[in-house]
Every structure is written in structure tokens, then in C-alpha cells.
Amino acid sequence: MTTTSFARTFMAAVASGALALAATHAHADETGTLARLTGAFNGWRHSGLTNEGEQYVAAYPRPPVDRGAQRFRTLIEGQLKHVDPHARRPPTLVVNGNPTPLYTDEQGFFARPWAFGAGSNSIEIISADGTKHQRMQFYEADRNKPQAKLRAIVTWDDPHAQVDLHVITPEGLHAFFANPTLEDGSGFDVDSVDGAGPGIFSSAAPEHGTWLFFLNYWGNFDSTGYNFDPGAHDRDVITATLTLVFNENTPNERRETRVVPLRKIGDLVLVKSERL
């Protein structure tokens, strides 16, 4: 995709009120274009992916979109130009330095939710063999969005597994899929229920004390919906990644990453105890 077409895509988002961009810039390196972005708009739009969570809402707790917990969510949507069904690994989507496997349908269509903070943000697609990169960068100037002082992001590498993030605040408040918004104003900006995530928890004013971050291998899903069939996954060992980002998009940004294996449904792992 050329710089011009990238700019048009995101200027269309500006016109729709989905993104408030002070500037838009995109770059694709000389190795060629990997994908065509068809939109990045707030809210959930069913994209026709074979593993999209909305197909299975009857079998799994509905994503808490209607309760306002995902009001800052944006959908990164597009199509890969070339899909290799025999590739050992999928391409990688990197959002603000956070990598996640980019699973698609057979035609290469993909849709990944994210929550962009104020300031400079970036989206990058890396080919499965790592030789091609496509990157775009834009500035989010929406002053109505609170700036996250603490953000926890979970992703994983199995398109048929569901992994949940659980956050315990110093006062004992518990945020998870069934309780996405807390009394202190923190909560899930994104809680994707389909394979690979992400789940994104944010706090604009994290209280002092010890925060606990758990990951739970909740279950699997296939064409029949969500289930607890221990064989209904792609990997015997699922690699889950938890990234904590402090003061995102500021000169004082700091991040910590933990990678943990999840082997069986029901695994609950304390990944990080962080004292603020």
C-alpha cells in the first residue's frame, strides 16, 4: 500500500469521527506491500473471519461492548495480499511495539481490536518469514481519551484458544471478562474473545500498592463454538505474553514483558506482581 492510500484510509476514519488524527504518515519498505487496510473504526464490526468471537456469543459470555468497557476500542481491519497455507507461522501484527500473531481467513482477511492512546501510535505488519515489513504511524489527538498510566496487554499464539487476563488492584478490586469496569475508573478497553487476543486493561490513575496480573487458559473454540475439549486447539503448549506499559506514549514510557506457557484448560498463572 502506498503512502497516499494509507493516508486516505485514515483520513476516512477521521471523517467518520472514529479517529482524531493531527497528522497521518505511512511507509511501506521497498520489499513490497503486504496488506491492504480497509478500515480502522471504533466499535465492533463483524468481518467474516472464521474465528471471529461474535459467531459464538451464545456459547461464551458476550464481549462487554454494550456495557461501555470497550468504548475506546478501534478495529484494525484489512486483507493480506498473499496467504501461504503451508507457512509454519502466521505473519505478525505489531501495534505500538506489541507483537501478536496475525491470523486470517483463507482469503487473507483479518480484524484485530486495539485501544490507541493519545500521542504517536504505530501499526506494523511483518511477513511470516520476516523479510517484508509494512508500517504506518499516526498521531491520536483525541483529548477526551484519558491517558493510561498503566496498561496491561495479553496476547497468545493459538487461534483456537481463549486466554483471559485477570487484574487484582491493591484494594482488592478484580477486573476480568465478567467484571470489565472497576469502581476506580480502570478496566478493559479491549477484551477480545477470539484467538490470539488482545486483552487490554488500562488505568489512568493507578493506586499505589501491589497489583496482581493473572492469566487463565479458559477454553477452546472451533466451528461448533466455545468448548472445553482439551484437543480443540492448535498447539500443545500455548505461549501467552503479558506486557505492562507505564506512561504510554510519553518520554517516560517503560514496559515489562513476561512470556508464560499454558498447557491445559484451567491453568491459572500469577504472571506478575507489580508494586507501584
Protein backbone atom coordinates (compact mmCIF):
# COMPACT_ATOMS: atom_id res chain seq x y z
CA MET A 1 0.00 0.00 0.00
CA THR A 2 1.31 3.41 -0.90
CA THR A 3 1.64 6.32 1.48
CA THR A 4 -1.26 8.01 -0.28
CA SER A 5 -3.64 5.07 0.10
CA PHE A 6 -2.70 4.69 3.76
CA ALA A 7 -3.42 8.35 4.31
CA ARG A 8 -6.78 8.05 2.55
CA THR A 9 -7.75 5.11 4.74
CA PHE A 10 -7.06 7.01 7.92
CA MET A 11 -8.45 10.31 6.71
CA ALA A 12 -11.67 8.40 6.05
CA ALA A 13 -11.56 7.32 9.67
CA VAL A 14 -11.13 10.95 10.68
CA ALA A 15 -14.16 11.95 8.62
CA SER A 16 -16.25 9.27 10.29
CA GLY A 17 -15.29 10.51 13.74
CA ALA A 18 -13.54 7.24 14.51
CA LEU A 19 -10.08 8.72 14.98
CA ALA A 20 -8.95 12.25 15.67
CA LEU A 21 -5.62 12.50 13.91
CA ALA A 22 -3.43 15.56 13.94
CA ALA A 23 -1.17 14.02 11.33
CA THR A 24 -1.03 10.84 9.28
CA HIS A 25 2.07 9.23 7.88
CA ALA A 26 2.61 5.78 6.43
CA HIS A 27 5.53 3.92 4.96
CA ALA A 28 5.95 0.61 3.16
CA ASP A 29 9.50 -0.51 2.58
CA GLU A 30 10.96 -1.45 -0.79
CA THR A 31 10.25 -5.14 -0.36
CA GLY A 32 6.62 -4.53 -1.32
CA THR A 33 3.18 -4.19 0.13
CA LEU A 34 1.92 -6.92 2.42
CA ALA A 35 -1.66 -5.91 3.10
CA ARG A 36 -4.49 -3.59 2.26
CA LEU A 37 -6.07 -1.91 5.27
CA THR A 38 -9.78 -1.46 4.73
CA GLY A 39 -10.57 0.45 7.89
CA ALA A 40 -9.76 1.34 11.48
CA PHE A 41 -13.01 2.40 13.05
CA ASN A 42 -14.31 2.45 16.60
CA GLY A 43 -16.70 -0.27 17.68
CA TRP A 44 -17.09 -3.89 16.72
CA ARG A 45 -17.92 -4.77 13.13
CA HIS A 46 -18.26 -8.39 12.10
CA SER A 47 -15.61 -9.05 9.49
CA GLY A 48 -16.44 -12.59 8.41
CA LEU A 49 -13.35 -14.19 9.92
CA THR A 50 -13.88 -17.86 10.57
CA ASN A 51 -12.68 -17.43 14.16
CA GLU A 52 -14.48 -14.19 15.00
CA GLY A 53 -15.86 -14.19 18.54
CA GLU A 54 -19.23 -12.73 17.59
CA GLN A 55 -20.14 -16.00 15.88
CA TYR A 56 -20.15 -17.74 19.25
CA VAL A 57 -21.73 -15.28 21.65
CA ALA A 58 -24.36 -17.84 22.65
CA ALA A 59 -21.67 -20.21 23.91
CA TYR A 60 -19.44 -17.70 25.68
CA PRO A 61 -20.09 -14.60 27.82
CA ARG A 62 -20.78 -11.79 25.39
CA PRO A 63 -17.98 -9.27 24.96
CA PRO A 64 -18.87 -6.36 27.27
CA VAL A 65 -19.16 -3.82 24.44
CA ASP A 66 -22.69 -2.76 25.38
CA ARG A 67 -21.62 -2.08 28.97
CA GLY A 68 -19.17 0.57 27.85
CA ALA A 69 -16.00 -1.23 28.81
CA GLN A 70 -14.67 -1.18 25.25
CA ARG A 71 -15.62 2.37 24.33
CA PHE A 72 -12.06 3.16 23.22
CA ARG A 73 -11.69 0.11 21.01
CA THR A 74 -10.67 0.50 17.37
CA LEU A 75 -10.78 -2.29 14.81
CA ILE A 76 -7.66 -2.76 12.67
CA GLU A 77 -9.06 -4.42 9.58
CA GLY A 78 -7.65 -5.39 6.21
CA GLN A 79 -6.53 -8.13 3.85
CA LEU A 80 -3.15 -9.73 3.24
CA LYS A 81 -2.21 -9.74 -0.43
CA HIS A 82 -0.68 -13.22 -0.27
CA VAL A 83 -1.60 -16.10 2.04
CA ASP A 84 0.64 -19.16 2.31
CA PRO A 85 -1.45 -22.03 3.74
CA HIS A 86 1.72 -24.06 4.31
CA ALA A 87 3.62 -21.43 6.29
CA ARG A 88 4.86 -22.69 9.65
CA ARG A 89 3.87 -19.45 11.34
CA PRO A 90 1.49 -16.59 10.57
CA PRO A 91 2.53 -13.01 9.82
CA THR A 92 2.96 -10.71 12.81
CA LEU A 93 0.93 -7.63 13.66
CA VAL A 94 2.89 -5.17 15.80
CA VAL A 95 0.90 -2.36 17.43
CA ASN A 96 2.91 0.22 19.35
CA GLY A 97 5.72 -2.30 19.75
CA ASN A 98 3.42 -5.13 20.91
CA PRO A 99 3.62 -8.16 18.59
CA THR A 100 0.76 -10.61 18.10
CA PRO A 101 0.20 -13.39 15.53
CA LEU A 102 -1.91 -12.16 12.62
CA TYR A 103 -4.37 -14.95 11.84
CA THR A 104 -6.56 -14.56 8.76
CA ASP A 105 -9.23 -16.44 6.88
CA GLU A 106 -8.45 -18.26 3.62
CA GLN A 107 -8.74 -15.03 1.62
CA GLY A 108 -6.34 -13.19 3.92
CA PHE A 109 -8.93 -11.01 5.67
CA PHE A 110 -8.16 -10.05 9.26
CA ALA A 111 -9.63 -7.90 12.03
CA ARG A 112 -7.85 -7.09 15.29
CA PRO A 113 -9.24 -4.82 18.01
CA TRP A 114 -6.94 -2.38 19.81
CA ALA A 115 -7.13 0.64 22.11
CA PHE A 116 -4.95 3.51 20.97
CA GLY A 117 -3.80 6.08 23.49
CA ALA A 118 -3.15 9.74 22.84
CA GLY A 119 0.09 10.62 21.09
CA SER A 120 2.09 8.80 18.45
CA ASN A 121 0.88 5.30 17.54
CA SER A 122 2.14 2.76 15.03
CA ILE A 123 0.90 -0.34 13.21
CA GLU A 124 3.31 -2.73 11.50
CA ILE A 125 2.78 -5.97 9.59
CA ILE A 126 5.72 -8.37 9.24
CA SER A 127 5.60 -11.26 6.80
CA ALA A 128 5.75 -14.83 8.11
CA ASP A 129 9.39 -15.22 7.03
CA GLY A 130 10.35 -11.86 8.50
CA THR A 131 11.65 -10.42 5.22
CA LYS A 132 8.89 -7.91 4.50
CA HIS A 133 7.63 -5.06 6.63
CA GLN A 134 4.76 -2.64 6.18
CA ARG A 135 4.39 0.17 8.69
CA MET A 136 2.15 3.13 9.33
CA GLN A 137 2.25 5.76 12.04
CA PHE A 138 -0.35 8.30 13.13
CA TYR A 139 -0.96 10.78 15.90
CA GLU A 140 -4.03 10.40 18.10
CA ALA A 141 -5.13 13.81 19.35
CA ASP A 142 -8.46 12.95 20.98
CA ARG A 143 -8.36 14.86 24.26
CA ASN A 144 -11.42 13.02 25.55
CA LYS A 145 -9.41 9.83 25.97
CA PRO A 146 -7.73 9.51 29.37
CA GLN A 147 -4.01 8.90 29.12
CA ALA A 148 -3.21 5.45 30.50
CA LYS A 149 -0.57 5.48 33.23
CA LEU A 150 -0.79 1.69 33.43
CA ARG A 151 -1.72 -0.68 30.63
CA ALA A 152 -1.66 -4.49 30.67
CA ILE A 153 -1.80 -6.30 27.32
CA VAL A 154 -2.17 -10.05 26.82
CA THR A 155 -1.76 -11.94 23.54
CA TRP A 156 -1.19 -15.63 22.72
CA ASP A 157 -0.22 -17.84 19.81
CA ASP A 158 -3.12 -20.25 19.31
CA PRO A 159 -6.05 -19.10 17.14
CA HIS A 160 -8.39 -21.65 18.75
CA ALA A 161 -7.65 -20.92 22.40
CA GLN A 162 -9.23 -18.39 24.74
CA VAL A 163 -6.95 -16.83 27.37
CA ASP A 164 -8.28 -14.37 29.94
CA LEU A 165 -6.46 -11.64 31.83
CA HIS A 166 -7.39 -11.11 35.49
CA VAL A 167 -6.22 -7.98 37.31
CA ILE A 168 -6.35 -7.50 41.09
CA THR A 169 -5.85 -3.93 42.32
CA PRO A 170 -4.15 -3.04 45.63
CA GLU A 171 -7.60 -2.56 47.20
CA GLY A 172 -8.73 -6.00 46.06
CA LEU A 173 -10.87 -4.98 43.07
CA HIS A 174 -10.99 -7.75 40.44
CA ALA A 175 -11.22 -6.98 36.71
CA PHE A 176 -11.90 -9.81 34.27
CA PHE A 177 -14.29 -10.60 31.39
CA ALA A 178 -17.39 -10.71 33.59
CA ASN A 179 -16.41 -7.58 35.54
CA PRO A 180 -14.66 -5.41 32.94
CA THR A 181 -15.03 -1.98 34.60
CA LEU A 182 -13.93 -1.17 38.14
CA GLU A 183 -15.13 1.44 40.60
CA ASP A 184 -11.81 3.30 40.40
CA GLY A 185 -12.34 4.01 36.67
CA SER A 186 -9.93 1.40 35.37
CA GLY A 187 -11.00 -1.52 33.20
CA PHE A 188 -10.78 -3.32 29.88
CA ASP A 189 -10.59 -1.11 26.80
CA VAL A 190 -10.37 -4.32 24.75
CA ASP A 191 -11.30 -7.87 25.74
CA SER A 192 -11.16 -9.88 22.54
CA VAL A 193 -12.75 -13.30 22.89
CA ASP A 194 -11.30 -14.84 19.75
CA GLY A 195 -7.91 -16.45 19.26
CA ALA A 196 -4.67 -14.50 19.86
CA GLY A 197 -6.34 -11.60 21.69
CA PRO A 198 -5.60 -8.96 22.68
CA GLY A 199 -6.98 -8.20 26.08
CA ILE A 200 -6.06 -4.67 27.16
CA PHE A 201 -6.59 -3.36 30.70
CA SER A 202 -5.96 0.34 31.37
CA SER A 203 -5.81 2.67 34.35
CA ALA A 204 -5.42 6.43 34.08
CA ALA A 205 -4.66 6.81 37.80
CA PRO A 206 -3.37 3.52 39.23
CA GLU A 207 -3.40 3.46 43.01
CA HIS A 208 -0.22 2.84 44.96
CA GLY A 209 0.35 -0.66 46.20
CA THR A 210 0.72 -4.15 44.75
CA TRP A 211 -1.07 -5.05 41.53
CA LEU A 212 -1.52 -8.71 40.57
CA PHE A 213 -1.82 -9.94 36.98
CA PHE A 214 -3.06 -13.47 36.30
CA LEU A 215 -3.59 -15.38 33.04
CA ASN A 216 -6.23 -18.09 32.75
CA TYR A 217 -6.45 -20.64 29.93
CA TRP A 218 -10.25 -20.54 29.84
CA GLY A 219 -11.07 -22.90 26.96
CA ASN A 220 -11.01 -23.52 23.22
CA PHE A 221 -13.30 -22.93 20.31
CA ASP A 222 -13.89 -24.33 16.84
CA SER A 223 -16.71 -24.39 14.29
CA THR A 224 -19.12 -25.62 16.98
CA GLY A 225 -18.39 -22.70 19.31
CA TYR A 226 -16.58 -22.34 22.61
CA ASN A 227 -15.87 -25.58 24.39
CA PHE A 228 -13.68 -27.32 26.94
CA ASP A 229 -12.43 -30.05 24.60
CA PRO A 230 -8.74 -30.42 25.56
CA GLY A 231 -7.86 -31.34 21.98
CA ALA A 232 -9.62 -28.46 20.24
CA HIS A 233 -6.53 -26.28 19.92
CA ASP A 234 -3.57 -25.93 17.55
CA ARG A 235 -0.66 -26.04 20.00
CA ASP A 236 0.14 -28.46 22.81
CA VAL A 237 1.82 -25.59 24.66
CA ILE A 238 0.30 -22.15 24.21
CA THR A 239 2.68 -19.23 24.59
CA ALA A 240 0.97 -16.27 26.23
CA THR A 241 2.61 -12.85 26.52
CA LEU A 242 1.78 -10.25 29.15
CA THR A 243 3.14 -6.74 28.57
CA LEU A 244 2.88 -3.98 31.16
CA VAL A 245 3.23 -0.47 29.77
CA PHE A 246 3.73 2.51 32.08
CA ASN A 247 3.15 6.11 30.91
CA GLU A 248 2.46 5.02 27.34
CA ASN A 249 3.36 7.44 24.54
CA THR A 250 5.31 9.76 26.82
CA PRO A 251 9.07 10.36 27.27
CA ASN A 252 8.79 8.34 30.50
CA GLU A 253 7.31 5.22 28.87
CA ARG A 254 8.52 1.99 30.42
CA ARG A 255 7.47 -1.57 29.64
CA GLU A 256 7.91 -5.05 31.05
CA THR A 257 7.15 -8.30 29.22
CA ARG A 258 6.55 -11.78 30.62
CA VAL A 259 6.09 -14.92 28.49
CA VAL A 260 4.41 -17.94 30.07
CA PRO A 261 3.44 -21.42 28.80
CA LEU A 262 -0.15 -22.64 29.21
CA ARG A 263 -0.60 -26.37 28.82
CA LYS A 264 -4.13 -27.30 29.82
CA ILE A 265 -7.56 -25.75 30.16
CA GLY A 266 -7.99 -24.26 33.61
CA ASP A 267 -4.37 -23.20 34.05
CA LEU A 268 -4.28 -20.05 36.20
CA VAL A 269 -0.88 -18.40 36.48
CA LEU A 270 0.22 -15.40 38.54
CA VAL A 271 2.38 -13.79 35.86
CA LYS A 272 3.37 -10.55 37.56
CA SER A 273 3.18 -8.88 40.96
CA GLU A 274 3.91 -5.19 40.44
CA ARG A 275 4.26 -2.64 43.22
CA LEU A 276 3.52 0.93 42.18
